[in-house]
């Protein structure tokens, strides 16, 4: 029996929501700011399905993910349909030329051992990694904005 664990982090980015949305909604760009994500490929036959590859500590994980909900400039929600069990959402909040990006990720790990691992170290590693990813995204978005200014 698997236990679902959830982690949420957020960052404020000093760029307009349109830029933030444009960068996140292009899933194939995510490896530019997400450390463990090696690749994201949108399937040609169904743009709601993407193929993900994650590498960390010599371990590789792959999965297919399906977009379950999109509200432009507000939310992108997903769930895995094959491979590593996970689900989550990216939420966007417009703060007048600033944007808040909040990422919530849930993943399934085996029962009691997984819960113990999460409490001891796994949860902290996942949250700190996702927070660092959002900080890298912030730098990336600010650089994209700077390159587009006259």
Protein backbone atom coordinates (compact mmCIF):
# COMPACT_ATOMS: atom_id res chain seq x y z
CA UNK A 1 0.00 0.00 0.00
CA UNK A 2 1.40 3.39 -0.98
CA UNK A 3 1.31 6.58 1.00
CA UNK A 4 0.82 9.89 -0.85
CA UNK A 5 3.09 12.68 0.38
CA UNK A 6 2.61 16.32 -0.56
CA UNK A 7 4.94 19.32 -0.56
CA UNK A 8 4.26 22.96 -1.50
CA UNK A 9 6.66 25.83 -2.08
CA UNK A 10 6.34 29.25 -3.68
CA UNK A 11 8.38 32.15 -4.98
CA UNK A 12 7.62 35.73 -5.92
CA UNK A 13 8.99 36.79 -9.30
CA UNK A 14 9.29 40.43 -10.31
CA UNK A 15 7.89 39.91 -13.80
CA UNK A 16 4.35 40.13 -15.25
CA UNK A 17 2.07 37.12 -15.04
CA UNK A 18 2.00 36.82 -18.86
CA UNK A 19 5.73 36.06 -18.94
CA UNK A 20 5.54 33.64 -16.00
CA UNK A 21 2.62 31.82 -17.60
CA UNK A 22 4.32 31.67 -20.99
CA UNK A 23 7.43 30.07 -19.55
CA UNK A 24 5.63 27.48 -17.39
CA UNK A 25 3.07 26.52 -20.00
CA UNK A 26 5.92 25.45 -22.31
CA UNK A 27 6.62 22.22 -20.41
CA UNK A 28 9.60 21.24 -22.57
CA UNK A 29 11.51 24.26 -21.17
CA UNK A 30 11.33 23.03 -17.55
CA UNK A 31 14.77 21.35 -17.53
CA UNK A 32 16.23 24.87 -17.84
CA UNK A 33 15.30 25.56 -14.21
CA UNK A 34 14.38 22.19 -12.68
CA UNK A 35 17.59 20.51 -11.50
CA UNK A 36 16.49 16.87 -11.51
CA UNK A 37 14.38 17.01 -14.67
CA UNK A 38 16.48 15.82 -17.63
CA UNK A 39 13.77 16.12 -20.24
CA UNK A 40 10.10 16.75 -20.92
CA UNK A 41 8.67 15.78 -24.28
CA UNK A 42 5.13 16.56 -25.42
CA UNK A 43 3.66 13.64 -27.36
CA UNK A 44 2.88 14.39 -30.99
CA UNK A 45 -0.48 12.63 -30.98
CA UNK A 46 -1.83 14.19 -27.75
CA UNK A 47 -0.53 17.56 -26.44
CA UNK A 48 -2.05 16.82 -22.99
CA UNK A 49 0.41 13.93 -22.50
CA UNK A 50 4.09 14.52 -21.76
CA UNK A 51 7.00 12.14 -21.19
CA UNK A 52 9.25 13.03 -18.23
CA UNK A 53 12.72 11.87 -17.24
CA UNK A 54 14.18 12.62 -13.81
CA UNK A 55 17.74 11.80 -12.73
CA UNK A 56 19.21 12.14 -9.27
CA UNK A 57 21.98 10.38 -7.41
CA UNK A 58 22.52 7.88 -10.21
CA UNK A 59 18.84 6.92 -10.28
CA UNK A 60 16.62 7.53 -13.30
CA UNK A 61 12.85 7.72 -13.20
CA UNK A 62 10.47 8.13 -16.11
CA UNK A 63 6.75 8.68 -16.32
CA UNK A 64 3.95 9.88 -18.53
CA UNK A 65 1.94 12.78 -17.25
CA UNK A 66 -1.45 14.12 -18.29
CA UNK A 67 -2.61 17.71 -17.91
CA UNK A 68 -5.89 17.50 -15.98
CA UNK A 69 -6.71 21.19 -15.71
CA UNK A 70 -5.55 24.44 -17.27
CA UNK A 71 -6.89 27.87 -16.46
CA UNK A 72 -4.68 30.42 -18.25
CA UNK A 73 -2.68 32.63 -15.88
CA UNK A 74 -4.03 30.68 -12.86
CA UNK A 75 -3.27 26.94 -12.79
CA UNK A 76 -1.70 23.99 -14.56
CA UNK A 77 -2.62 20.71 -12.89
CA UNK A 78 -1.30 17.25 -13.76
CA UNK A 79 -1.23 13.59 -12.81
CA UNK A 80 1.00 10.75 -13.88
CA UNK A 81 -0.63 8.06 -15.98
CA UNK A 82 2.35 5.69 -16.18
CA UNK A 83 5.63 5.26 -14.31
CA UNK A 84 6.54 7.23 -11.18
CA UNK A 85 3.22 7.99 -9.39
CA UNK A 86 2.88 11.74 -8.91
CA UNK A 87 0.44 14.62 -9.26
CA UNK A 88 0.38 18.29 -8.55
CA UNK A 89 -0.29 21.82 -9.65
CA UNK A 90 1.45 25.06 -10.47
CA UNK A 91 -0.65 28.04 -9.33
CA UNK A 92 -0.05 31.59 -10.50
CA UNK A 93 -1.03 34.78 -8.67
CA UNK A 94 -0.88 38.18 -10.37
CA UNK A 95 0.49 40.92 -8.10
CA UNK A 96 0.66 43.89 -10.52
CA UNK A 97 3.92 43.31 -12.46
CA UNK A 98 4.98 40.71 -9.89
CA UNK A 99 3.86 37.11 -9.93
CA UNK A 100 3.70 34.45 -7.27
CA UNK A 101 4.33 30.89 -8.43
CA UNK A 102 3.24 28.13 -6.06
CA UNK A 103 4.11 24.52 -6.81
CA UNK A 104 2.45 21.60 -5.06
CA UNK A 105 3.78 18.12 -5.75
CA UNK A 106 2.40 14.83 -4.43
CA UNK A 107 4.04 11.46 -4.94
CA UNK A 108 3.34 7.92 -3.81
CA UNK A 109 5.93 5.91 -1.90
CA UNK A 110 5.53 2.51 -0.23
CA UNK A 111 3.58 2.65 3.05
CA UNK A 112 5.26 2.91 6.44
CA UNK A 113 8.85 2.86 5.17
CA UNK A 114 8.07 5.71 2.80
CA UNK A 115 6.42 7.77 5.54
CA UNK A 116 9.43 7.22 7.79
CA UNK A 117 11.84 8.20 4.98
CA UNK A 118 9.77 11.32 4.30
CA UNK A 119 9.80 12.34 7.97
CA UNK A 120 13.54 11.69 8.34
CA UNK A 121 14.95 13.27 5.21
CA UNK A 122 13.10 12.73 1.94
CA UNK A 123 10.52 15.48 2.52
CA UNK A 124 13.23 18.04 3.32
CA UNK A 125 15.21 17.03 0.21
CA UNK A 126 12.13 17.27 -2.02
CA UNK A 127 11.03 20.65 -0.61
CA UNK A 128 14.51 22.18 -0.74
CA UNK A 129 14.99 20.93 -4.31
CA UNK A 130 11.65 22.32 -5.48
CA UNK A 131 12.33 25.63 -3.70
CA UNK A 132 15.73 25.83 -5.41
CA UNK A 133 14.03 25.06 -8.74
CA UNK A 134 11.61 27.94 -8.20
CA UNK A 135 14.51 30.25 -7.30
CA UNK A 136 16.26 29.19 -10.55
CA UNK A 137 13.01 29.87 -12.39
CA UNK A 138 12.93 33.38 -10.89
CA UNK A 139 16.44 34.11 -12.18
CA UNK A 140 15.57 32.60 -15.57
CA UNK A 141 12.37 34.68 -15.89
CA UNK A 142 14.20 37.87 -14.92
CA UNK A 143 16.87 37.15 -17.56
CA UNK A 144 14.21 36.48 -20.22
CA UNK A 145 12.50 39.75 -19.29
CA UNK A 146 15.80 41.66 -19.45
CA UNK A 147 16.57 40.21 -22.91
CA UNK A 148 13.18 41.31 -24.21
CA UNK A 149 13.48 44.92 -23.01
CA UNK A 150 14.57 47.49 -25.59
